[in-house]
Amino acid sequence: MSLIKQLRERTSAPIKDVKFSLVDCNWDIEAAQKELRKRGKVLAMKKSSRTATEGLLALAQNEGKAAVIELNCETDFVAKNEIFEYLALALVKQALLVENSSQQVHGVFSFGPECLQDLKLNLDHAKISGETTIQNAVIEVAAMMGENIKLRGGLGRIAGILSLETENEISQLDAIQKVGSELAMHIVAAKPLFLTKKFVTSDALNNEIEILKSQAESTGKSQMVIDKMVEGRLSKYFEEVVLMEQQYFLNDSSSIKVFHVFGGSLEVIFHIRVPEMSARHGVP
């Protein structure tokens, strides 16, 4: 029983599989561990077509970039497993190393699993360690968990990412993090396209003005009235697409322009709503 316990602690494999491998390898624990890994990878490949809709988003950042990935599994139970969480964090840290090979939109570029799968990982976990590729690490954890695990090619969940700058001291970090979390939820819910009015692109602005003019002119009113209608509706457009002009979703009596945390101002430097596996350049 001692060897069974040791091997199960090493591999997290089911007890039945652990015992079978030990018996098959004449109770040689090292050989049994290798056998378990081989068998587990074969089973993991067989399960790769099964639906995996649970999982989590993982975020990592450095001084100039932030990255977010989604790692999927079959059950919420596995999604909360610390080995699964460790793998997700290791993967997103590697995602920071991906160079931009596609056209950026507002400093954001997207990438699929194929950009990551051959990258090397140096894992340092009690149950999964050593150098391997991302693809092999995913397969190995899938074998441990007994479920289909996959790195999603595009997020099925929505993430809100933002950068904040404050005059407050570090002692108020908890309050700042709370506001940051609420703002991220706002970004997901309200879907702002631009941070401030000055960041609204000329193409977007001209297109909206053209639409508003056409709508106003169809009323047959005077040019002065038409101009005022366009001006008023353009203000409404800004309230819909500009983060700093939007009504705060937790307090719709005020807009998101300046937040006050214990008397200090908190400024949003940038925001992004991420509907796909992405990296963001230029994170302060």
C-alpha atoms as a PDB file:
ATOM      1  CA  MET A   1       0.000   0.000   0.000  1.00  0.00           C
ATOM      2  CA  SER A   2       2.935   2.338   0.635  1.00  0.00           C
ATOM      3  CA  LEU A   3       4.064   2.168  -3.014  1.00  0.00           C
ATOM      4  CA  ILE A   4       0.506   2.696  -4.237  1.00  0.00           C
ATOM      5  CA  LYS A   5       0.201   5.804  -2.065  1.00  0.00           C
ATOM      6  CA  GLN A   6       3.582   7.147  -3.192  1.00  0.00           C
ATOM      7  CA  LEU A   7       2.831   6.645  -6.883  1.00  0.00           C
ATOM      8  CA  ARG A   8      -0.619   8.173  -6.574  1.00  0.00           C
ATOM      9  CA  GLU A   9       0.890  11.243  -4.853  1.00  0.00           C
ATOM     10  CA  ARG A  10       3.428  11.553  -7.644  1.00  0.00           C
ATOM     11  CA  THR A  11       1.000  11.198 -10.528  1.00  0.00           C
ATOM     12  CA  SER A  12      -2.557  11.909  -9.262  1.00  0.00           C
ATOM     13  CA  ALA A  13      -3.626   8.893 -11.346  1.00  0.00           C
ATOM     14  CA  PRO A  14      -6.634   6.790 -10.246  1.00  0.00           C
ATOM     15  CA  ILE A  15      -5.813   4.116  -7.653  1.00  0.00           C
ATOM     16  CA  LYS A  16      -6.890   1.325 -10.020  1.00  0.00           C
ATOM     17  CA  ASP A  17      -4.444   2.510 -12.696  1.00  0.00           C
ATOM     18  CA  VAL A  18      -1.669   3.004 -10.134  1.00  0.00           C
ATOM     19  CA  LYS A  19      -2.034  -0.541  -8.800  1.00  0.00           C
ATOM     20  CA  PHE A  20      -2.243  -2.040 -12.283  1.00  0.00           C
ATOM     21  CA  SER A  21       0.977  -0.299 -13.364  1.00  0.00           C
ATOM     22  CA  LEU A  22       2.831  -1.366 -10.235  1.00  0.00           C
ATOM     23  CA  VAL A  23       1.778  -4.983 -10.673  1.00  0.00           C
ATOM     24  CA  ASP A  24       2.606  -4.857 -14.390  1.00  0.00           C
ATOM     25  CA  CYS A  25       6.084  -3.448 -13.585  1.00  0.00           C
ATOM     26  CA  ASN A  26       6.767  -5.924 -10.773  1.00  0.00           C
ATOM     27  CA  TRP A  27       6.311  -3.181  -8.143  1.00  0.00           C
ATOM     28  CA  ASP A  28       9.120  -1.031  -9.547  1.00  0.00           C
ATOM     29  CA  ILE A  29       7.780   2.440  -8.773  1.00  0.00           C
ATOM     30  CA  GLU A  30       9.989   4.284 -11.271  1.00  0.00           C
ATOM     31  CA  ALA A  31       9.063   1.946 -14.125  1.00  0.00           C
ATOM     32  CA  ALA A  32       5.404   2.074 -13.080  1.00  0.00           C
ATOM     33  CA  GLN A  33       5.465   5.879 -13.163  1.00  0.00           C
ATOM     34  CA  LYS A  34       6.821   5.854 -16.719  1.00  0.00           C
ATOM     35  CA  GLU A  35       4.212   3.289 -17.707  1.00  0.00           C
ATOM     36  CA  LEU A  36       1.444   5.431 -16.214  1.00  0.00           C
ATOM     37  CA  ARG A  37       2.609   8.481 -18.129  1.00  0.00           C
ATOM     38  CA  LYS A  38       2.702   6.565 -21.418  1.00  0.00           C
ATOM     39  CA  ARG A  39      -0.727   5.034 -20.867  1.00  0.00           C
ATOM     40  CA  GLY A  40      -2.150   8.333 -19.673  1.00  0.00           C
ATOM     41  CA  LYS A  41      -0.987  10.179 -22.782  1.00  0.00           C
ATOM     42  CA  VAL A  42      -2.592   7.559 -25.027  1.00  0.00           C
ATOM     43  CA  LEU A  43      -5.885   7.885 -23.126  1.00  0.00           C
ATOM     44  CA  ALA A  44      -5.613  11.675 -23.209  1.00  0.00           C
ATOM     45  CA  MET A  45      -5.294  11.622 -26.986  1.00  0.00           C
ATOM     46  CA  LYS A  46      -8.376   9.378 -27.217  1.00  0.00           C
ATOM     47  CA  LYS A  47     -10.344  11.883 -25.110  1.00  0.00           C
ATOM     48  CA  SER A  48      -9.260  14.896 -27.173  1.00  0.00           C
ATOM     49  CA  SER A  49     -12.519  14.949 -29.137  1.00  0.00           C
ATOM     50  CA  ARG A  50     -14.676  15.205 -26.011  1.00  0.00           C
ATOM     51  CA  THR A  51     -16.380  18.488 -25.197  1.00  0.00           C
ATOM     52  CA  ALA A  52     -14.397  20.751 -22.849  1.00  0.00           C
ATOM     53  CA  THR A  53     -16.360  23.874 -21.906  1.00  0.00           C
ATOM     54  CA  GLU A  54     -15.199  24.426 -18.334  1.00  0.00           C
ATOM     55  CA  GLY A  55     -11.866  25.988 -17.435  1.00  0.00           C
ATOM     56  CA  LEU A  56     -10.406  29.353 -16.598  1.00  0.00           C
ATOM     57  CA  LEU A  57      -8.826  32.483 -17.972  1.00  0.00           C
ATOM     58  CA  ALA A  58      -5.238  33.176 -16.958  1.00  0.00           C
ATOM     59  CA  LEU A  59      -3.594  36.599 -17.102  1.00  0.00           C
ATOM     60  CA  ALA A  60       0.056  37.576 -16.919  1.00  0.00           C
ATOM     61  CA  GLN A  61       1.874  40.840 -17.516  1.00  0.00           C
ATOM     62  CA  ASN A  62       5.278  42.440 -17.587  1.00  0.00           C
ATOM     63  CA  GLU A  63       6.305  46.080 -17.917  1.00  0.00           C
ATOM     64  CA  GLY A  64       5.324  46.346 -21.568  1.00  0.00           C
ATOM     65  CA  LYS A  65       2.719  43.687 -22.297  1.00  0.00           C
ATOM     66  CA  ALA A  66      -0.233  41.754 -20.885  1.00  0.00           C
ATOM     67  CA  ALA A  67      -1.456  38.374 -22.131  1.00  0.00           C
ATOM     68  CA  VAL A  68      -4.596  36.346 -21.478  1.00  0.00           C
ATOM     69  CA  ILE A  69      -5.338  32.730 -22.428  1.00  0.00           C
ATOM     70  CA  GLU A  70      -8.165  30.283 -21.817  1.00  0.00           C
ATOM     71  CA  LEU A  71      -7.459  26.705 -20.734  1.00  0.00           C
ATOM     72  CA  ASN A  72     -10.433  24.364 -21.001  1.00  0.00           C
ATOM     73  CA  CYS A  73     -11.390  21.101 -19.319  1.00  0.00           C
ATOM     74  CA  GLU A  74     -14.550  19.013 -18.999  1.00  0.00           C
ATOM     75  CA  THR A  75     -15.602  19.665 -15.389  1.00  0.00           C
ATOM     76  CA  ASP A  76     -15.560  22.455 -12.844  1.00  0.00           C
ATOM     77  CA  PHE A  77     -13.839  20.048 -10.448  1.00  0.00           C
ATOM     78  CA  VAL A  78     -10.740  19.856 -12.654  1.00  0.00           C
ATOM     79  CA  ALA A  79     -10.869  23.615 -13.332  1.00  0.00           C
ATOM     80  CA  LYS A  80     -10.289  24.156  -9.596  1.00  0.00           C
ATOM     81  CA  ASN A  81      -7.483  21.611  -9.375  1.00  0.00           C
ATOM     82  CA  GLU A  82      -4.175  23.219  -8.388  1.00  0.00           C
ATOM     83  CA  ILE A  83      -2.224  21.331 -11.072  1.00  0.00           C
ATOM     84  CA  PHE A  84      -4.628  22.651 -13.731  1.00  0.00           C
ATOM     85  CA  GLU A  85      -4.288  26.171 -12.315  1.00  0.00           C
ATOM     86  CA  TYR A  86      -0.487  25.828 -12.248  1.00  0.00           C
ATOM     87  CA  LEU A  87      -0.473  24.792 -15.908  1.00  0.00           C
ATOM     88  CA  ALA A  88      -2.712  27.711 -16.935  1.00  0.00           C
ATOM     89  CA  LEU A  89      -0.409  30.192 -15.208  1.00  0.00           C
ATOM     90  CA  ALA A  90       2.683  28.612 -16.782  1.00  0.00           C
ATOM     91  CA  LEU A  91       1.069  28.816 -20.230  1.00  0.00           C
ATOM     92  CA  VAL A  92       0.069  32.461 -19.990  1.00  0.00           C
ATOM     93  CA  LYS A  93       3.566  33.410 -18.831  1.00  0.00           C
ATOM     94  CA  GLN A  94       4.888  31.811 -21.999  1.00  0.00           C
ATOM     95  CA  ALA A  95       2.284  33.707 -24.005  1.00  0.00           C
ATOM     96  CA  LEU A  96       4.086  36.894 -22.997  1.00  0.00           C
ATOM     97  CA  LEU A  97       7.010  35.677 -25.114  1.00  0.00           C
ATOM     98  CA  VAL A  98       4.933  35.481 -28.306  1.00  0.00           C
ATOM     99  CA  GLU A  99       6.052  38.105 -30.790  1.00  0.00           C
ATOM    100  CA  ASN A 100       3.519  40.052 -32.801  1.00  0.00           C
ATOM    101  CA  SER A 101       3.053  38.370 -36.164  1.00  0.00           C
ATOM    102  CA  SER A 102      -0.347  39.840 -37.007  1.00  0.00           C
ATOM    103  CA  GLN A 103      -1.803  43.279 -37.508  1.00  0.00           C
ATOM    104  CA  GLN A 104      -2.380  45.150 -34.258  1.00  0.00           C
ATOM    105  CA  VAL A 105      -5.647  46.878 -33.487  1.00  0.00           C
ATOM    106  CA  HIS A 106      -5.237  49.510 -30.763  1.00  0.00           C
ATOM    107  CA  GLY A 107      -2.079  47.728 -29.587  1.00  0.00           C
ATOM    108  CA  VAL A 108      -3.729  44.297 -29.403  1.00  0.00           C
ATOM    109  CA  PHE A 109      -2.806  41.215 -31.384  1.00  0.00           C
ATOM    110  CA  SER A 110      -4.362  37.764 -31.364  1.00  0.00           C
ATOM    111  CA  PHE A 111      -2.743  34.369 -31.584  1.00  0.00           C
ATOM    112  CA  GLY A 112      -3.870  30.768 -31.632  1.00  0.00           C
ATOM    113  CA  PRO A 113      -2.622  27.644 -29.807  1.00  0.00           C
ATOM    114  CA  GLU A 114      -0.331  26.851 -32.744  1.00  0.00           C
ATOM    115  CA  CYS A 115       1.837  29.820 -31.713  1.00  0.00           C
ATOM    116  CA  LEU A 116       2.383  28.274 -28.286  1.00  0.00           C
ATOM    117  CA  GLN A 117       2.339  24.501 -28.575  1.00  0.00           C
ATOM    118  CA  ASP A 118       5.995  24.080 -29.547  1.00  0.00           C
ATOM    119  CA  LEU A 119       7.351  26.595 -27.025  1.00  0.00           C
ATOM    120  CA  LYS A 120       9.437  25.147 -24.211  1.00  0.00           C
ATOM    121  CA  LEU A 121       8.211  25.134 -20.621  1.00  0.00           C
ATOM    122  CA  ASN A 122      10.325  24.649 -17.522  1.00  0.00           C
ATOM    123  CA  LEU A 123       7.848  23.276 -15.002  1.00  0.00           C
ATOM    124  CA  ASP A 124       8.562  23.147 -11.293  1.00  0.00           C
ATOM    125  CA  HIS A 125       5.659  21.373  -9.619  1.00  0.00           C
ATOM    126  CA  ALA A 126       5.730  18.332  -7.362  1.00  0.00           C
ATOM    127  CA  LYS A 127       3.655  16.340  -9.857  1.00  0.00           C
ATOM    128  CA  ILE A 128       4.798  17.805 -13.150  1.00  0.00           C
ATOM    129  CA  SER A 129       8.314  19.123 -13.584  1.00  0.00           C
ATOM    130  CA  GLY A 130      11.174  19.441 -16.017  1.00  0.00           C
ATOM    131  CA  GLU A 131      11.492  20.870 -19.510  1.00  0.00           C
ATOM    132  CA  THR A 132       8.783  20.029 -22.032  1.00  0.00           C
ATOM    133  CA  THR A 133       6.739  21.652 -24.754  1.00  0.00           C
ATOM    134  CA  ILE A 134       3.408  23.326 -24.074  1.00  0.00           C
ATOM    135  CA  GLN A 135       1.648  20.698 -26.175  1.00  0.00           C
ATOM    136  CA  ASN A 136       3.169  17.840 -24.151  1.00  0.00           C
ATOM    137  CA  ALA A 137       2.446  19.605 -20.856  1.00  0.00           C
ATOM    138  CA  VAL A 138      -1.231  19.917 -21.766  1.00  0.00           C
ATOM    139  CA  ILE A 139      -1.377  16.235 -22.749  1.00  0.00           C
ATOM    140  CA  GLU A 140       0.378  15.178 -19.535  1.00  0.00           C
ATOM    141  CA  VAL A 141      -1.986  17.151 -17.304  1.00  0.00           C
ATOM    142  CA  ALA A 142      -4.935  15.764 -19.289  1.00  0.00           C
ATOM    143  CA  ALA A 143      -3.616  12.281 -18.547  1.00  0.00           C
ATOM    144  CA  MET A 144      -3.380  13.110 -14.835  1.00  0.00           C
ATOM    145  CA  MET A 145      -6.861  14.599 -14.693  1.00  0.00           C
ATOM    146  CA  GLY A 146      -8.507  11.948 -16.864  1.00  0.00           C
ATOM    147  CA  GLU A 147     -10.244  14.628 -18.940  1.00  0.00           C
ATOM    148  CA  ASN A 148      -9.871  16.394 -22.246  1.00  0.00           C
ATOM    149  CA  ILE A 149      -7.814  19.539 -21.641  1.00  0.00           C
ATOM    150  CA  LYS A 150      -7.107  22.003 -24.398  1.00  0.00           C
ATOM    151  CA  LEU A 151      -5.732  25.459 -24.954  1.00  0.00           C
ATOM    152  CA  ARG A 152      -8.575  27.293 -26.617  1.00  0.00           C
ATOM    153  CA  GLY A 153      -8.028  29.004 -29.977  1.00  0.00           C
ATOM    154  CA  GLY A 154      -9.876  32.175 -29.030  1.00  0.00           C
ATOM    155  CA  LEU A 155     -11.609  32.984 -25.759  1.00  0.00           C
ATOM    156  CA  GLY A 156     -15.047  31.599 -25.051  1.00  0.00           C
ATOM    157  CA  ARG A 157     -15.214  33.944 -22.093  1.00  0.00           C
ATOM    158  CA  ILE A 158     -14.829  37.714 -22.078  1.00  0.00           C
ATOM    159  CA  ALA A 159     -12.028  39.437 -20.182  1.00  0.00           C
ATOM    160  CA  GLY A 160     -11.734  43.081 -19.217  1.00  0.00           C
ATOM    161  CA  ILE A 161      -8.180  44.375 -18.835  1.00  0.00           C
ATOM    162  CA  LEU A 162      -7.163  47.862 -17.781  1.00  0.00           C
ATOM    163  CA  SER A 163      -4.230  49.794 -16.402  1.00  0.00           C
ATOM    164  CA  LEU A 164      -4.673  52.264 -13.541  1.00  0.00           C
ATOM    165  CA  GLU A 165      -2.525  55.133 -12.315  1.00  0.00           C
ATOM    166  CA  THR A 166      -3.068  56.657  -8.885  1.00  0.00           C
ATOM    167  CA  GLU A 167      -1.733  59.323  -6.569  1.00  0.00           C
ATOM    168  CA  ASN A 168      -2.483  57.079  -3.609  1.00  0.00           C
ATOM    169  CA  GLU A 169       0.207  55.291  -1.683  1.00  0.00           C
ATOM    170  CA  ILE A 170       0.720  51.540  -1.862  1.00  0.00           C
ATOM    171  CA  SER A 171      -1.019  51.158   1.521  1.00  0.00           C
ATOM    172  CA  GLN A 172      -4.340  51.588  -0.298  1.00  0.00           C
ATOM    173  CA  LEU A 173      -3.618  48.819  -2.809  1.00  0.00           C
ATOM    174  CA  ASP A 174      -6.639  46.737  -1.725  1.00  0.00           C
ATOM    175  CA  ALA A 175      -9.023  49.627  -2.443  1.00  0.00           C
ATOM    176  CA  ILE A 176      -7.404  50.252  -5.833  1.00  0.00           C
ATOM    177  CA  GLN A 177      -7.642  46.565  -6.737  1.00  0.00           C
ATOM    178  CA  LYS A 178     -11.339  46.576  -5.801  1.00  0.00           C
ATOM    179  CA  VAL A 179     -12.010  49.544  -8.088  1.00  0.00           C
ATOM    180  CA  GLY A 180      -9.933  47.910 -10.826  1.00  0.00           C
ATOM    181  CA  SER A 181     -11.968  44.714 -10.551  1.00  0.00           C
ATOM    182  CA  GLU A 182     -15.244  46.648 -10.762  1.00  0.00           C
ATOM    183  CA  LEU A 183     -14.002  48.631 -13.766  1.00  0.00           C
ATOM    184  CA  ALA A 184     -12.979  45.419 -15.527  1.00  0.00           C
ATOM    185  CA  MET A 185     -16.509  44.087 -15.003  1.00  0.00           C
ATOM    186  CA  HIS A 186     -17.871  47.367 -16.361  1.00  0.00           C
ATOM    187  CA  ILE A 187     -15.713  47.035 -19.485  1.00  0.00           C
ATOM    188  CA  VAL A 188     -17.047  43.520 -20.101  1.00  0.00           C
ATOM    189  CA  ALA A 189     -20.661  44.615 -19.563  1.00  0.00           C
ATOM    190  CA  ALA A 190     -20.642  48.036 -21.287  1.00  0.00           C
ATOM    191  CA  LYS A 191     -18.349  47.159 -24.233  1.00  0.00           C
ATOM    192  CA  PRO A 192     -16.579  50.539 -24.626  1.00  0.00           C
ATOM    193  CA  LEU A 193     -14.637  50.911 -27.860  1.00  0.00           C
ATOM    194  CA  PHE A 194     -12.480  53.908 -26.905  1.00  0.00           C
ATOM    195  CA  LEU A 195     -10.929  55.241 -23.699  1.00  0.00           C
ATOM    196  CA  THR A 196     -11.660  58.955 -24.210  1.00  0.00           C
ATOM    197  CA  LYS A 197     -13.153  61.118 -26.961  1.00  0.00           C
ATOM    198  CA  LYS A 198      -9.727  61.943 -28.361  1.00  0.00           C
ATOM    199  CA  PHE A 199      -9.113  58.262 -29.094  1.00  0.00           C
ATOM    200  CA  VAL A 200     -12.239  57.907 -31.245  1.00  0.00           C
ATOM    201  CA  THR A 201     -10.867  57.257 -34.714  1.00  0.00           C
ATOM    202  CA  SER A 202     -11.654  59.685 -37.502  1.00  0.00           C
ATOM    203  CA  ASP A 203     -13.197  56.857 -39.544  1.00  0.00           C
ATOM    204  CA  ALA A 204     -15.563  55.883 -36.719  1.00  0.00           C
ATOM    205  CA  LEU A 205     -16.469  59.506 -36.018  1.00  0.00           C
ATOM    206  CA  ASN A 206     -17.059  60.466 -39.655  1.00  0.00           C
ATOM    207  CA  ASN A 207     -19.123  57.359 -40.256  1.00  0.00           C
ATOM    208  CA  GLU A 208     -21.328  58.097 -37.242  1.00  0.00           C
ATOM    209  CA  ILE A 209     -21.765  61.760 -38.217  1.00  0.00           C
ATOM    210  CA  GLU A 210     -22.771  60.707 -41.737  1.00  0.00           C
ATOM    211  CA  ILE A 211     -25.410  58.331 -40.346  1.00  0.00           C
ATOM    212  CA  LEU A 212     -26.731  60.918 -37.877  1.00  0.00           C
ATOM    213  CA  LYS A 213     -26.930  63.602 -40.586  1.00  0.00           C
ATOM    214  CA  SER A 214     -28.861  61.289 -42.869  1.00  0.00           C
ATOM    215  CA  GLN A 215     -31.302  60.458 -40.079  1.00  0.00           C
ATOM    216  CA  ALA A 216     -31.745  64.117 -39.115  1.00  0.00           C
ATOM    217  CA  GLU A 217     -32.172  65.322 -42.705  1.00  0.00           C
ATOM    218  CA  SER A 218     -34.954  62.790 -43.258  1.00  0.00           C
ATOM    219  CA  THR A 219     -37.077  64.770 -40.777  1.00  0.00           C
ATOM    220  CA  GLY A 220     -37.265  67.701 -43.222  1.00  0.00           C
ATOM    221  CA  LYS A 221     -36.377  70.249 -40.554  1.00  0.00           C
ATOM    222  CA  SER A 222     -34.182  73.346 -40.954  1.00  0.00           C
ATOM    223  CA  GLN A 223     -30.396  73.090 -41.136  1.00  0.00           C
ATOM    224  CA  MET A 224     -30.031  74.728 -37.710  1.00  0.00           C
ATOM    225  CA  VAL A 225     -32.311  72.121 -36.133  1.00  0.00           C
ATOM    226  CA  ILE A 226     -30.537  69.324 -38.033  1.00  0.00           C
ATOM    227  CA  ASP A 227     -27.138  70.496 -36.720  1.00  0.00           C
ATOM    228  CA  LYS A 228     -28.448  70.518 -33.148  1.00  0.00           C
ATOM    229  CA  MET A 229     -29.964  67.060 -33.604  1.00  0.00           C
ATOM    230  CA  VAL A 230     -26.647  65.704 -34.881  1.00  0.00           C
ATOM    231  CA  GLU A 231     -24.763  67.352 -32.001  1.00  0.00           C
ATOM    232  CA  GLY A 232     -27.116  65.871 -29.410  1.00  0.00           C
ATOM    233  CA  ARG A 233     -27.088  62.404 -30.922  1.00  0.00           C
ATOM    234  CA  LEU A 234     -23.297  62.511 -31.250  1.00  0.00           C
ATOM    235  CA  SER A 235     -23.054  63.138 -27.495  1.00  0.00           C
ATOM    236  CA  LYS A 236     -25.225  60.065 -26.999  1.00  0.00           C
ATOM    237  CA  TYR A 237     -22.883  58.090 -29.271  1.00  0.00           C
ATOM    238  CA  PHE A 238     -19.896  59.094 -27.122  1.00  0.00           C
ATOM    239  CA  GLU A 239     -21.775  57.947 -24.019  1.00  0.00           C
ATOM    240  CA  GLU A 240     -22.228  54.549 -25.619  1.00  0.00           C
ATOM    241  CA  VAL A 241     -18.726  53.877 -26.998  1.00  0.00           C
ATOM    242  CA  VAL A 242     -16.301  55.978 -24.897  1.00  0.00           C
ATOM    243  CA  LEU A 243     -15.371  54.505 -21.528  1.00  0.00           C
ATOM    244  CA  MET A 244     -14.901  57.857 -19.803  1.00  0.00           C
ATOM    245  CA  GLU A 245     -18.305  59.067 -20.990  1.00  0.00           C
ATOM    246  CA  GLN A 246     -20.214  55.945 -19.978  1.00  0.00           C
ATOM    247  CA  GLN A 247     -22.442  55.649 -16.920  1.00  0.00           C
ATOM    248  CA  TYR A 248     -20.740  53.557 -14.261  1.00  0.00           C
ATOM    249  CA  PHE A 249     -22.631  50.263 -14.216  1.00  0.00           C
ATOM    250  CA  LEU A 250     -22.540  50.089 -10.396  1.00  0.00           C
ATOM    251  CA  ASN A 251     -23.657  53.705 -10.053  1.00  0.00           C
ATOM    252  CA  ASP A 252     -25.533  55.016 -13.078  1.00  0.00           C
ATOM    253  CA  SER A 253     -25.767  58.517 -11.575  1.00  0.00           C
ATOM    254  CA  SER A 254     -22.140  59.244 -12.513  1.00  0.00           C
ATOM    255  CA  SER A 255     -19.817  58.681 -15.461  1.00  0.00           C
ATOM    256  CA  ILE A 256     -16.392  57.077 -15.393  1.00  0.00           C
ATOM    257  CA  LYS A 257     -14.047  60.039 -15.530  1.00  0.00           C
ATOM    258  CA  VAL A 258     -12.240  60.240 -12.190  1.00  0.00           C
ATOM    259  CA  PHE A 259     -12.489  57.788  -9.319  1.00  0.00           C
ATOM    260  CA  HIS A 260     -11.768  58.794  -5.747  1.00  0.00           C
ATOM    261  CA  VAL A 261     -10.262  56.292  -3.370  1.00  0.00           C
ATOM    262  CA  PHE A 262      -9.787  57.760   0.098  1.00  0.00           C
ATOM    263  CA  GLY A 263      -9.440  61.239  -1.346  1.00  0.00           C
ATOM    264  CA  GLY A 264      -6.909  60.412  -4.081  1.00  0.00           C
ATOM    265  CA  SER A 265      -7.599  60.405  -7.791  1.00  0.00           C
ATOM    266  CA  LEU A 266      -7.472  57.213  -9.829  1.00  0.00           C
ATOM    267  CA  GLU A 267      -7.005  57.479 -13.584  1.00  0.00           C
ATOM    268  CA  VAL A 268      -7.603  54.793 -16.206  1.00  0.00           C
ATOM    269  CA  ILE A 269      -4.601  54.735 -18.546  1.00  0.00           C
ATOM    270  CA  PHE A 270      -5.928  52.169 -21.008  1.00  0.00           C
ATOM    271  CA  HIS A 271      -8.599  49.502 -21.284  1.00  0.00           C
ATOM    272  CA  ILE A 272      -9.307  46.560 -23.526  1.00  0.00           C
ATOM    273  CA  ARG A 273     -12.190  44.097 -23.762  1.00  0.00           C
ATOM    274  CA  VAL A 274     -10.680  40.787 -24.850  1.00  0.00           C
ATOM    275  CA  PRO A 275     -12.963  38.320 -26.667  1.00  0.00           C
ATOM    276  CA  GLU A 276     -10.114  36.217 -28.007  1.00  0.00           C
ATOM    277  CA  MET A 277      -6.713  34.867 -27.041  1.00  0.00           C
ATOM    278  CA  SER A 278      -4.665  38.031 -27.157  1.00  0.00           C
ATOM    279  CA  ALA A 279      -1.668  39.993 -26.054  1.00  0.00           C
ATOM    280  CA  ARG A 280      -1.573  43.716 -25.462  1.00  0.00           C
ATOM    281  CA  HIS A 281       1.508  45.841 -26.133  1.00  0.00           C
ATOM    282  CA  GLY A 282       2.163  49.080 -24.286  1.00  0.00           C
ATOM    283  CA  VAL A 283       0.912  48.144 -20.815  1.00  0.00           C
ATOM    284  CA  PRO A 284       2.327  50.696 -18.347  1.00  0.00           C
END
